[in-house]
């Protein structure tokens, strides 16, 4: 967000819309990607991912038509791999990452996914804390995964996401973040 003051968090979360990523969003997605990552994906990578059909799911969080964050997932049988997630640096600390993660989990439920994995920089403790809230646990290291500085990636997994206990975890995370119930209802059509 370019202004000095951020809106009231409750009003902001109520105003967010989560939709499937489309090519029309890519200019804004690329702007965030370049500001969020030292080695950003290219536009052609995003276009390729969007063309993969049912094996991929990419979403964007919109505030007044402005992309504030995005997330992508690859589906393989009963597992999902979060391929990319970023929040516009100007909109961070507004629970957009939490909203995107809950959307991805809910979409996974509709696909009968049982486990989700991702990689995160070993130095990115902030992201690791978010993922741990969602039940992700460290499972290994990918040596030199991030090529621009040869940094290792921490592999994290969340298992049994189809359990009642995990469903309760997500409801509690959403409630703690202040994601309004009516907002969750509005997004229901996206969970398939």
N, C-alpha and C. Protein backbone atom coordinates (compact mmCIF):
# COMPACT_ATOMS: atom_id res chain seq x y z
N UNK A 1 0.84 -1.17 0.00
CA UNK A 1 0.00 0.00 0.00
C UNK A 1 0.89 1.23 0.00
N UNK A 2 0.60 2.16 -0.83
CA UNK A 2 1.46 3.31 -1.02
C UNK A 2 1.19 4.43 -0.02
N UNK A 3 0.02 4.47 0.59
CA UNK A 3 -0.30 5.51 1.56
C UNK A 3 0.43 5.24 2.88
N UNK A 4 0.49 6.27 3.72
CA UNK A 4 1.16 6.12 5.00
C UNK A 4 0.34 5.33 6.00
N UNK A 5 -0.99 5.46 5.94
CA UNK A 5 -1.84 4.79 6.91
C UNK A 5 -2.54 3.60 6.28
N UNK A 6 -2.59 2.50 7.02
CA UNK A 6 -3.32 1.32 6.56
C UNK A 6 -4.74 1.40 7.10
N UNK A 7 -5.70 0.81 6.38
CA UNK A 7 -7.09 0.86 6.83
C UNK A 7 -7.31 0.02 8.09
N UNK A 8 -8.46 0.21 8.71
CA UNK A 8 -8.88 -0.62 9.84
C UNK A 8 -8.83 -2.08 9.40
N UNK A 9 -8.20 -2.93 10.20
CA UNK A 9 -7.99 -4.32 9.81
C UNK A 9 -9.29 -5.06 9.54
N UNK A 10 -10.28 -4.90 10.40
CA UNK A 10 -11.56 -5.58 10.20
C UNK A 10 -12.24 -5.17 8.91
N UNK A 11 -12.28 -3.88 8.65
CA UNK A 11 -12.88 -3.40 7.39
C UNK A 11 -12.07 -3.88 6.19
N UNK A 12 -10.77 -3.85 6.32
CA UNK A 12 -9.90 -4.28 5.24
C UNK A 12 -10.16 -5.75 4.89
N UNK A 13 -10.16 -6.62 5.90
CA UNK A 13 -10.38 -8.05 5.64
C UNK A 13 -11.75 -8.30 5.04
N UNK A 14 -12.75 -7.53 5.46
CA UNK A 14 -14.09 -7.67 4.89
C UNK A 14 -14.13 -7.24 3.43
N UNK A 15 -13.24 -6.31 3.06
CA UNK A 15 -13.25 -5.80 1.70
C UNK A 15 -12.44 -6.66 0.72
N UNK A 16 -11.61 -7.54 1.24
CA UNK A 16 -10.78 -8.36 0.36
C UNK A 16 -11.62 -9.36 -0.42
N UNK A 17 -11.23 -9.56 -1.64
CA UNK A 17 -11.86 -10.56 -2.51
C UNK A 17 -10.76 -11.50 -2.97
N UNK A 18 -10.99 -12.80 -2.88
CA UNK A 18 -10.03 -13.78 -3.36
C UNK A 18 -10.61 -14.44 -4.60
N UNK A 19 -9.86 -14.35 -5.70
CA UNK A 19 -10.33 -14.89 -6.97
C UNK A 19 -9.21 -15.69 -7.62
N UNK A 20 -9.60 -16.49 -8.61
CA UNK A 20 -8.61 -17.23 -9.38
C UNK A 20 -7.73 -16.25 -10.13
N UNK A 21 -6.42 -16.49 -10.12
CA UNK A 21 -5.50 -15.64 -10.86
C UNK A 21 -5.76 -15.80 -12.36
N UNK A 22 -5.77 -14.68 -13.05
CA UNK A 22 -5.94 -14.65 -14.51
C UNK A 22 -4.79 -13.84 -15.11
N UNK A 23 -4.63 -13.94 -16.42
CA UNK A 23 -3.57 -13.18 -17.09
C UNK A 23 -3.69 -11.69 -16.84
N UNK A 24 -4.92 -11.19 -16.67
CA UNK A 24 -5.10 -9.76 -16.43
C UNK A 24 -4.48 -9.30 -15.11
N UNK A 25 -4.20 -10.24 -14.20
CA UNK A 25 -3.59 -9.90 -12.91
C UNK A 25 -2.06 -9.88 -12.98
N UNK A 26 -1.49 -10.40 -14.05
CA UNK A 26 -0.05 -10.65 -14.07
C UNK A 26 0.83 -9.41 -13.97
N UNK A 27 0.40 -8.27 -14.48
CA UNK A 27 1.23 -7.07 -14.32
C UNK A 27 1.44 -6.75 -12.85
N UNK A 28 0.36 -6.82 -12.08
CA UNK A 28 0.46 -6.54 -10.64
C UNK A 28 1.19 -7.65 -9.91
N UNK A 29 0.94 -8.89 -10.30
CA UNK A 29 1.63 -10.04 -9.69
C UNK A 29 3.14 -9.90 -9.92
N UNK A 30 3.54 -9.54 -11.14
CA UNK A 30 4.96 -9.41 -11.45
C UNK A 30 5.60 -8.28 -10.64
N UNK A 31 4.87 -7.20 -10.40
CA UNK A 31 5.39 -6.12 -9.58
C UNK A 31 5.68 -6.61 -8.16
N UNK A 32 4.74 -7.36 -7.60
CA UNK A 32 4.93 -7.91 -6.25
C UNK A 32 6.07 -8.91 -6.26
N UNK A 33 6.08 -9.78 -7.25
CA UNK A 33 7.12 -10.83 -7.35
C UNK A 33 8.52 -10.20 -7.35
N UNK A 34 8.69 -9.14 -8.13
CA UNK A 34 10.01 -8.48 -8.21
C UNK A 34 10.41 -7.84 -6.89
N UNK A 35 9.41 -7.32 -6.15
CA UNK A 35 9.72 -6.67 -4.87
C UNK A 35 9.85 -7.66 -3.73
N UNK A 36 9.27 -8.85 -3.88
CA UNK A 36 9.26 -9.83 -2.78
C UNK A 36 10.43 -10.81 -2.84
N UNK A 37 10.96 -11.06 -4.03
CA UNK A 37 11.97 -12.10 -4.18
C UNK A 37 13.22 -11.60 -4.89
N UNK A 38 14.39 -12.02 -4.43
CA UNK A 38 15.63 -11.62 -5.10
C UNK A 38 15.79 -12.27 -6.48
N UNK A 39 15.16 -13.42 -6.69
CA UNK A 39 15.22 -14.12 -7.97
C UNK A 39 13.78 -14.44 -8.40
N UNK A 40 13.05 -13.42 -8.87
CA UNK A 40 11.61 -13.60 -9.13
C UNK A 40 11.33 -14.53 -10.31
N UNK A 41 10.15 -15.14 -10.25
CA UNK A 41 9.67 -15.89 -11.40
C UNK A 41 9.47 -14.90 -12.56
N UNK A 42 9.52 -15.42 -13.77
CA UNK A 42 9.25 -14.59 -14.94
C UNK A 42 7.76 -14.65 -15.27
N UNK A 43 7.33 -13.70 -16.07
CA UNK A 43 5.94 -13.70 -16.52
C UNK A 43 5.62 -15.00 -17.26
N UNK A 44 6.56 -15.49 -18.06
CA UNK A 44 6.30 -16.73 -18.82
C UNK A 44 6.13 -17.93 -17.90
N UNK A 45 6.80 -17.94 -16.75
CA UNK A 45 6.60 -19.03 -15.78
C UNK A 45 5.17 -18.98 -15.25
N UNK A 46 4.71 -17.78 -14.87
CA UNK A 46 3.33 -17.66 -14.39
C UNK A 46 2.34 -18.05 -15.48
N UNK A 47 2.57 -17.61 -16.71
CA UNK A 47 1.66 -17.96 -17.81
C UNK A 47 1.63 -19.47 -18.02
N UNK A 48 2.78 -20.11 -17.93
CA UNK A 48 2.84 -21.57 -18.06
C UNK A 48 2.06 -22.25 -16.94
N UNK A 49 2.25 -21.77 -15.71
CA UNK A 49 1.53 -22.34 -14.57
C UNK A 49 0.02 -22.19 -14.74
N UNK A 50 -0.42 -21.02 -15.20
CA UNK A 50 -1.85 -20.78 -15.38
C UNK A 50 -2.44 -21.66 -16.48
N UNK A 51 -1.62 -22.10 -17.41
CA UNK A 51 -2.11 -22.93 -18.51
C UNK A 51 -2.18 -24.41 -18.16
N UNK A 52 -1.76 -24.79 -16.97
CA UNK A 52 -1.68 -26.21 -16.58
C UNK A 52 -3.02 -26.82 -16.17
N UNK A 53 -4.06 -26.02 -16.13
CA UNK A 53 -5.40 -26.56 -15.85
C UNK A 53 -5.58 -27.08 -14.45
N UNK A 54 -6.20 -28.24 -14.33
CA UNK A 54 -6.63 -28.76 -13.03
C UNK A 54 -5.49 -29.20 -12.12
N UNK A 55 -4.26 -29.30 -12.64
CA UNK A 55 -3.15 -29.69 -11.77
C UNK A 55 -2.58 -28.51 -10.99
N UNK A 56 -3.06 -27.30 -11.29
CA UNK A 56 -2.57 -26.09 -10.62
C UNK A 56 -3.75 -25.25 -10.13
N UNK A 57 -3.50 -24.48 -9.09
CA UNK A 57 -4.49 -23.54 -8.58
C UNK A 57 -3.75 -22.29 -8.15
N UNK A 58 -4.04 -21.17 -8.81
CA UNK A 58 -3.43 -19.89 -8.45
C UNK A 58 -4.53 -18.91 -8.10
N UNK A 59 -4.34 -18.22 -6.97
CA UNK A 59 -5.33 -17.26 -6.50
C UNK A 59 -4.66 -15.93 -6.21
N UNK A 60 -5.48 -14.87 -6.24
CA UNK A 60 -5.00 -13.54 -5.86
C UNK A 60 -5.97 -12.95 -4.85
N UNK A 61 -5.44 -12.17 -3.93
CA UNK A 61 -6.25 -11.39 -2.99
C UNK A 61 -6.33 -9.98 -3.55
N UNK A 62 -7.56 -9.48 -3.72
CA UNK A 62 -7.78 -8.17 -4.31
C UNK A 62 -8.38 -7.21 -3.29
N UNK A 63 -7.88 -5.98 -3.31
CA UNK A 63 -8.48 -4.88 -2.54
C UNK A 63 -8.73 -3.77 -3.54
N UNK A 64 -10.00 -3.50 -3.82
CA UNK A 64 -10.37 -2.50 -4.83
C UNK A 64 -9.62 -2.73 -6.14
N UNK A 65 -9.65 -3.95 -6.61
CA UNK A 65 -9.02 -4.39 -7.86
C UNK A 65 -7.50 -4.42 -7.84
N UNK A 66 -6.90 -4.05 -6.73
CA UNK A 66 -5.44 -4.10 -6.62
C UNK A 66 -5.03 -5.45 -6.03
N UNK A 67 -4.10 -6.13 -6.68
CA UNK A 67 -3.59 -7.40 -6.16
C UNK A 67 -2.72 -7.09 -4.95
N UNK A 68 -3.09 -7.67 -3.82
CA UNK A 68 -2.32 -7.47 -2.59
C UNK A 68 -1.47 -8.69 -2.24
N UNK A 69 -1.78 -9.83 -2.86
CA UNK A 69 -1.02 -11.05 -2.62
C UNK A 69 -1.51 -12.15 -3.54
N UNK A 70 -0.73 -13.22 -3.61
CA UNK A 70 -1.10 -14.35 -4.47
C UNK A 70 -0.46 -15.62 -3.94
N UNK A 71 -1.00 -16.74 -4.39
CA UNK A 71 -0.49 -18.04 -3.97
C UNK A 71 -0.80 -19.07 -5.05
N UNK A 72 0.11 -20.01 -5.23
CA UNK A 72 -0.09 -21.06 -6.21
C UNK A 72 0.16 -22.44 -5.62
N UNK A 73 -0.53 -23.42 -6.18
CA UNK A 73 -0.43 -24.79 -5.70
C UNK A 73 -0.41 -25.76 -6.86
N UNK A 74 0.42 -26.78 -6.73
CA UNK A 74 0.48 -27.91 -7.66
C UNK A 74 -0.13 -29.11 -6.96
N UNK A 75 -1.04 -29.82 -7.65
CA UNK A 75 -1.70 -30.99 -7.06
C UNK A 75 -1.14 -32.26 -7.70
N UNK A 76 -0.76 -33.22 -6.85
CA UNK A 76 -0.27 -34.52 -7.31
C UNK A 76 -0.98 -35.59 -6.49
N UNK A 77 -1.95 -36.26 -7.10
CA UNK A 77 -2.77 -37.31 -6.48
C UNK A 77 -3.40 -36.77 -5.19
N UNK A 78 -2.92 -37.22 -4.01
CA UNK A 78 -3.54 -36.76 -2.76
C UNK A 78 -2.64 -35.81 -1.98
N UNK A 79 -1.68 -35.19 -2.68
CA UNK A 79 -0.78 -34.23 -2.06
C UNK A 79 -0.81 -32.91 -2.84
N UNK A 80 -0.46 -31.84 -2.14
CA UNK A 80 -0.37 -30.53 -2.77
C UNK A 80 0.99 -29.93 -2.44
N UNK A 81 1.52 -29.14 -3.38
CA UNK A 81 2.79 -28.45 -3.19
C UNK A 81 2.55 -26.96 -3.43
N UNK A 82 2.74 -26.16 -2.39
CA UNK A 82 2.63 -24.72 -2.55
C UNK A 82 3.87 -24.26 -3.32
N UNK A 83 3.64 -23.75 -4.51
CA UNK A 83 4.73 -23.39 -5.40
C UNK A 83 5.23 -21.97 -5.19
N UNK A 84 4.34 -21.08 -4.79
CA UNK A 84 4.70 -19.68 -4.71
C UNK A 84 3.65 -18.97 -3.85
N UNK A 85 4.11 -18.11 -2.96
CA UNK A 85 3.21 -17.28 -2.18
C UNK A 85 3.93 -15.97 -1.89
N UNK A 86 3.23 -14.87 -2.08
CA UNK A 86 3.82 -13.56 -1.79
C UNK A 86 2.72 -12.57 -1.46
N UNK A 87 3.07 -11.63 -0.60
CA UNK A 87 2.18 -10.52 -0.25
C UNK A 87 2.94 -9.25 -0.60
N UNK A 88 2.24 -8.32 -1.22
CA UNK A 88 2.82 -7.03 -1.55
C UNK A 88 3.48 -6.47 -0.28
N UNK A 89 4.76 -6.12 -0.33
CA UNK A 89 5.43 -5.61 0.88
C UNK A 89 4.70 -4.43 1.53
N UNK A 90 3.98 -3.64 0.74
CA UNK A 90 3.25 -2.50 1.29
C UNK A 90 1.99 -2.93 2.05
N UNK A 91 1.55 -4.18 1.87
CA UNK A 91 0.33 -4.67 2.50
C UNK A 91 0.60 -5.75 3.54
N UNK A 92 1.86 -5.96 3.88
CA UNK A 92 2.16 -7.00 4.86
C UNK A 92 1.65 -6.63 6.25
N UNK A 93 1.50 -7.66 7.07
CA UNK A 93 0.99 -7.54 8.44
C UNK A 93 -0.49 -7.18 8.48
N UNK A 94 -1.19 -7.52 7.40
CA UNK A 94 -2.64 -7.30 7.32
C UNK A 94 -3.38 -8.64 7.17
N UNK A 95 -2.73 -9.74 7.50
CA UNK A 95 -3.28 -11.10 7.47
C UNK A 95 -3.59 -11.61 6.06
N UNK A 96 -3.00 -11.02 5.04
CA UNK A 96 -3.23 -11.49 3.68
C UNK A 96 -2.60 -12.87 3.49
N UNK A 97 -1.40 -13.08 4.02
CA UNK A 97 -0.77 -14.40 3.94
C UNK A 97 -1.61 -15.47 4.60
N UNK A 98 -2.19 -15.14 5.75
CA UNK A 98 -3.07 -16.07 6.46
C UNK A 98 -4.30 -16.38 5.62
N UNK A 99 -4.89 -15.34 5.03
CA UNK A 99 -6.05 -15.53 4.17
C UNK A 99 -5.71 -16.44 2.99
N UNK A 100 -4.59 -16.19 2.32
CA UNK A 100 -4.20 -17.00 1.17
C UNK A 100 -3.94 -18.46 1.58
N UNK A 101 -3.26 -18.65 2.70
CA UNK A 101 -3.01 -20.02 3.17
C UNK A 101 -4.32 -20.74 3.49
N UNK A 102 -5.26 -20.07 4.13
CA UNK A 102 -6.53 -20.74 4.45
C UNK A 102 -7.29 -21.09 3.17
N UNK A 103 -7.21 -20.22 2.16
CA UNK A 103 -7.86 -20.53 0.87
C UNK A 103 -7.25 -21.76 0.23
N UNK A 104 -5.93 -21.84 0.25
CA UNK A 104 -5.25 -22.99 -0.36
C UNK A 104 -5.63 -24.27 0.38
N UNK A 105 -5.67 -24.21 1.69
CA UNK A 105 -6.06 -25.40 2.47
C UNK A 105 -7.49 -25.81 2.15
N UNK A 106 -8.40 -24.85 2.09
CA UNK A 106 -9.79 -25.18 1.81
C UNK A 106 -9.95 -25.76 0.39
N UNK A 107 -9.19 -25.25 -0.55
CA UNK A 107 -9.23 -25.84 -1.90
C UNK A 107 -8.70 -27.27 -1.86
N UNK A 108 -7.67 -27.49 -1.07
CA UNK A 108 -7.11 -28.84 -0.94
C UNK A 108 -8.13 -29.80 -0.35
N UNK A 109 -8.91 -29.34 0.63
CA UNK A 109 -9.96 -30.20 1.20
C UNK A 109 -10.92 -30.66 0.12
N UNK A 110 -11.31 -29.75 -0.76
CA UNK A 110 -12.26 -30.10 -1.81
C UNK A 110 -11.69 -31.07 -2.83
N UNK A 111 -10.38 -31.24 -2.84
CA UNK A 111 -9.73 -32.19 -3.75
C UNK A 111 -9.31 -33.47 -3.02
N UNK A 112 -9.75 -33.61 -1.77
CA UNK A 112 -9.38 -34.77 -0.96
C UNK A 112 -7.88 -34.92 -0.77
N UNK A 113 -7.22 -33.79 -0.66
CA UNK A 113 -5.78 -33.76 -0.41
C UNK A 113 -5.54 -34.10 1.05
N UNK A 114 -4.52 -34.91 1.31
CA UNK A 114 -4.21 -35.32 2.68
C UNK A 114 -2.98 -34.65 3.26
N UNK A 115 -2.10 -34.12 2.39
CA UNK A 115 -0.86 -33.50 2.87
C UNK A 115 -0.45 -32.38 1.92
N UNK A 116 0.18 -31.36 2.50
CA UNK A 116 0.67 -30.22 1.72
C UNK A 116 2.14 -29.99 2.09
N UNK A 117 2.93 -29.67 1.07
CA UNK A 117 4.34 -29.38 1.30
C UNK A 117 4.71 -28.04 0.68
N UNK A 118 5.86 -27.53 1.08
CA UNK A 118 6.42 -26.30 0.52
C UNK A 118 7.89 -26.23 0.89
N UNK A 119 8.60 -25.31 0.22
CA UNK A 119 9.97 -24.99 0.59
C UNK A 119 10.00 -23.53 1.01
N UNK A 120 10.86 -23.23 1.97
CA UNK A 120 11.02 -21.86 2.46
C UNK A 120 12.49 -21.67 2.80
N UNK A 121 12.98 -20.46 2.59
CA UNK A 121 14.37 -20.16 2.92
C UNK A 121 14.63 -20.48 4.40
N UNK A 122 15.80 -21.06 4.68
CA UNK A 122 16.12 -21.38 6.08
C UNK A 122 16.21 -20.09 6.91
N UNK A 123 16.46 -18.95 6.27
CA UNK A 123 16.57 -17.68 7.00
C UNK A 123 15.24 -16.94 7.13
N UNK A 124 14.17 -17.43 6.51
CA UNK A 124 12.89 -16.72 6.52
C UNK A 124 12.03 -17.20 7.69
N UNK A 125 12.39 -16.75 8.87
CA UNK A 125 11.70 -17.18 10.08
C UNK A 125 10.26 -16.70 10.14
N UNK A 126 10.00 -15.52 9.59
CA UNK A 126 8.64 -14.98 9.59
C UNK A 126 7.69 -15.91 8.82
N UNK A 127 8.10 -16.33 7.63
CA UNK A 127 7.27 -17.25 6.84
C UNK A 127 7.16 -18.60 7.54
N UNK A 128 8.25 -19.07 8.11
CA UNK A 128 8.21 -20.36 8.81
C UNK A 128 7.20 -20.34 9.95
N UNK A 129 7.12 -19.23 10.67
CA UNK A 129 6.14 -19.12 11.77
C UNK A 129 4.71 -19.20 11.23
N UNK A 130 4.46 -18.53 10.10
CA UNK A 130 3.13 -18.61 9.49
C UNK A 130 2.81 -20.06 9.13
N UNK A 131 3.72 -20.73 8.48
CA UNK A 131 3.48 -22.11 8.05
C UNK A 131 3.31 -23.04 9.26
N UNK A 132 4.07 -22.81 10.32
CA UNK A 132 3.92 -23.63 11.52
C UNK A 132 2.54 -23.47 12.14
N UNK A 133 1.98 -22.25 12.08
CA UNK A 133 0.60 -22.06 12.57
C UNK A 133 -0.36 -22.95 11.82
N UNK A 134 -0.08 -23.19 10.54
CA UNK A 134 -0.92 -24.04 9.70
C UNK A 134 -0.54 -25.52 9.80
N UNK A 135 0.29 -25.86 10.77
CA UNK A 135 0.62 -27.26 11.03
C UNK A 135 1.78 -27.81 10.22
N UNK A 136 2.49 -26.96 9.51
CA UNK A 136 3.65 -27.43 8.75
C UNK A 136 4.82 -27.65 9.70
N UNK A 137 5.52 -28.76 9.48
CA UNK A 137 6.68 -29.10 10.29
C UNK A 137 7.88 -29.35 9.38
N UNK A 138 9.08 -29.02 9.86
CA UNK A 138 10.28 -29.27 9.06
C UNK A 138 10.43 -30.76 8.77
N UNK A 139 10.85 -31.07 7.53
CA UNK A 139 11.01 -32.47 7.14
C UNK A 139 12.33 -32.74 6.43
N UNK A 140 13.09 -31.68 6.15
CA UNK A 140 14.37 -31.88 5.47
C UNK A 140 14.90 -30.57 4.93
N UNK A 141 16.04 -30.66 4.28
CA UNK A 141 16.72 -29.49 3.72
C UNK A 141 17.04 -29.78 2.25
N UNK A 142 16.83 -28.78 1.40
CA UNK A 142 17.30 -28.83 0.01
C UNK A 142 18.52 -27.90 -0.05
N UNK A 143 19.71 -28.50 -0.15
CA UNK A 143 20.96 -27.74 -0.16
C UNK A 143 21.05 -26.85 -1.39
N UNK A 144 21.40 -25.58 -1.18
CA UNK A 144 21.63 -24.63 -2.27
C UNK A 144 20.44 -24.40 -3.18
N UNK A 145 19.24 -24.58 -2.66
CA UNK A 145 18.00 -24.50 -3.46
C UNK A 145 17.82 -23.13 -4.10
N UNK A 146 18.16 -22.07 -3.37
CA UNK A 146 18.00 -20.71 -3.88
C UNK A 146 19.30 -20.31 -4.56
N UNK A 147 19.28 -20.31 -5.88
CA UNK A 147 20.50 -20.20 -6.68
C UNK A 147 21.20 -18.85 -6.56
N UNK A 148 20.45 -17.76 -6.35
CA UNK A 148 21.10 -16.45 -6.35
C UNK A 148 22.10 -16.28 -5.22
N UNK A 149 21.91 -17.01 -4.11
CA UNK A 149 22.88 -16.92 -3.01
C UNK A 149 23.22 -18.29 -2.41
N UNK A 150 22.79 -19.35 -3.09
CA UNK A 150 23.08 -20.73 -2.68
C UNK A 150 22.51 -21.07 -1.30
N UNK A 151 21.45 -20.35 -0.89
CA UNK A 151 20.82 -20.61 0.41
C UNK A 151 20.03 -21.91 0.37
N UNK A 152 20.03 -22.61 1.49
CA UNK A 152 19.27 -23.84 1.61
C UNK A 152 17.79 -23.54 1.79
N UNK A 153 16.97 -24.50 1.40
CA UNK A 153 15.53 -24.43 1.62
C UNK A 153 15.15 -25.44 2.68
N UNK A 154 14.28 -25.03 3.57
CA UNK A 154 13.69 -25.92 4.55
C UNK A 154 12.43 -26.52 3.91
N UNK A 155 12.36 -27.84 3.86
CA UNK A 155 11.17 -28.53 3.35
C UNK A 155 10.22 -28.70 4.52
N UNK A 156 8.98 -28.28 4.34
CA UNK A 156 7.98 -28.41 5.40
C UNK A 156 6.76 -29.16 4.87
N UNK A 157 6.15 -29.93 5.75
CA UNK A 157 4.94 -30.70 5.42
C UNK A 157 3.88 -30.49 6.48
N UNK A 158 2.63 -30.47 6.03
CA UNK A 158 1.47 -30.55 6.92
C UNK A 158 0.73 -31.82 6.50
N UNK A 159 0.57 -32.74 7.45
CA UNK A 159 -0.08 -34.02 7.17
C UNK A 159 -1.48 -34.05 7.78
N UNK A 160 -2.28 -35.00 7.32
CA UNK A 160 -3.63 -35.23 7.85
C UNK A 160 -4.48 -33.97 7.82
N UNK A 161 -4.38 -33.20 6.75
CA UNK A 161 -5.15 -31.97 6.67
C UNK A 161 -6.63 -32.23 6.47
N UNK A 162 -6.98 -33.48 6.18
CA UNK A 162 -8.39 -33.83 6.01
C UNK A 162 -9.05 -34.23 7.33
N UNK A 163 -8.31 -34.17 8.43
CA UNK A 163 -8.85 -34.58 9.73
C UNK A 163 -9.72 -33.47 10.34
N UNK A 164 -10.61 -33.87 11.22
CA UNK A 164 -11.44 -32.91 11.94
C UNK A 164 -10.61 -31.96 12.78
N UNK A 165 -9.54 -32.46 13.36
CA UNK A 165 -8.65 -31.63 14.17
C UNK A 165 -8.02 -30.52 13.32
N UNK A 166 -7.62 -30.86 12.11
CA UNK A 166 -7.01 -29.85 11.24
C UNK A 166 -8.05 -28.82 10.79
N UNK A 167 -9.27 -29.28 10.51
CA UNK A 167 -10.35 -28.35 10.16
C UNK A 167 -10.56 -27.33 11.29
N UNK A 168 -10.54 -27.80 12.52
CA UNK A 168 -10.69 -26.89 13.67
C UNK A 168 -9.53 -25.91 13.74
N UNK A 169 -8.32 -26.39 13.45
CA UNK A 169 -7.14 -25.52 13.44
C UNK A 169 -7.35 -24.35 12.48
N UNK A 170 -7.86 -24.65 11.28
CA UNK A 170 -8.06 -23.61 10.27
C UNK A 170 -9.14 -22.62 10.73
N UNK A 171 -10.24 -23.13 11.26
CA UNK A 171 -11.29 -22.24 11.77
C UNK A 171 -10.74 -21.31 12.85
N UNK A 172 -9.91 -21.84 13.74
CA UNK A 172 -9.33 -21.03 14.81
C UNK A 172 -8.36 -19.99 14.26
N UNK A 173 -7.55 -20.37 13.29
CA UNK A 173 -6.62 -19.42 12.67
C UNK A 173 -7.39 -18.28 12.04
N UNK A 174 -8.44 -18.61 11.29
CA UNK A 174 -9.25 -17.58 10.63
C UNK A 174 -9.90 -16.66 11.67
N UNK A 175 -10.42 -17.23 12.74
CA UNK A 175 -11.05 -16.41 13.78
C UNK A 175 -10.03 -15.51 14.45
N UNK A 176 -8.85 -16.04 14.78
CA UNK A 176 -7.81 -15.24 15.42
C UNK A 176 -7.32 -14.11 14.52
N UNK A 177 -7.29 -14.37 13.20
CA UNK A 177 -6.84 -13.34 12.26
C UNK A 177 -7.92 -12.30 12.02
N UNK A 178 -9.15 -12.61 12.41
CA UNK A 178 -10.25 -11.67 12.20
C UNK A 178 -10.86 -11.75 10.81
N UNK A 179 -10.67 -12.89 10.15
CA UNK A 179 -11.27 -13.07 8.84
C UNK A 179 -12.77 -13.25 9.06
N UNK A 180 -13.57 -12.30 8.59
CA UNK A 180 -15.01 -12.32 8.88
C UNK A 180 -15.70 -13.55 8.32
N UNK A 181 -16.67 -14.07 9.07
CA UNK A 181 -17.43 -15.24 8.64
C UNK A 181 -18.10 -14.98 7.30
N UNK A 182 -18.68 -13.79 7.12
CA UNK A 182 -19.35 -13.49 5.86
C UNK A 182 -18.36 -13.48 4.70
N UNK A 183 -17.11 -13.09 4.97
CA UNK A 183 -16.08 -13.12 3.94
C UNK A 183 -15.78 -14.57 3.55
N UNK A 184 -15.74 -15.46 4.55
CA UNK A 184 -15.50 -16.88 4.26
C UNK A 184 -16.64 -17.45 3.43
N UNK A 185 -17.86 -17.04 3.71
CA UNK A 185 -19.00 -17.51 2.92
C UNK A 185 -18.91 -17.02 1.48
N UNK A 186 -18.52 -15.75 1.29
CA UNK A 186 -18.39 -15.20 -0.06
C UNK A 186 -17.38 -15.97 -0.88
N UNK A 187 -16.36 -16.51 -0.23
CA UNK A 187 -15.30 -17.20 -0.95
C UNK A 187 -15.61 -18.67 -1.20
N UNK A 188 -16.70 -19.16 -0.67
CA UNK A 188 -17.01 -20.57 -0.76
C UNK A 188 -16.93 -21.11 -2.19
N UNK A 189 -17.39 -20.32 -3.17
CA UNK A 189 -17.37 -20.78 -4.55
C UNK A 189 -15.96 -20.99 -5.07
N UNK A 190 -14.95 -20.49 -4.39
CA UNK A 190 -13.57 -20.65 -4.83
C UNK A 190 -12.93 -21.93 -4.34
N UNK A 191 -13.56 -22.59 -3.38
CA UNK A 191 -12.90 -23.69 -2.70
C UNK A 191 -12.89 -24.97 -3.51
N UNK A 192 -13.51 -24.97 -4.66
CA UNK A 192 -13.53 -26.18 -5.48
C UNK A 192 -12.36 -26.26 -6.41
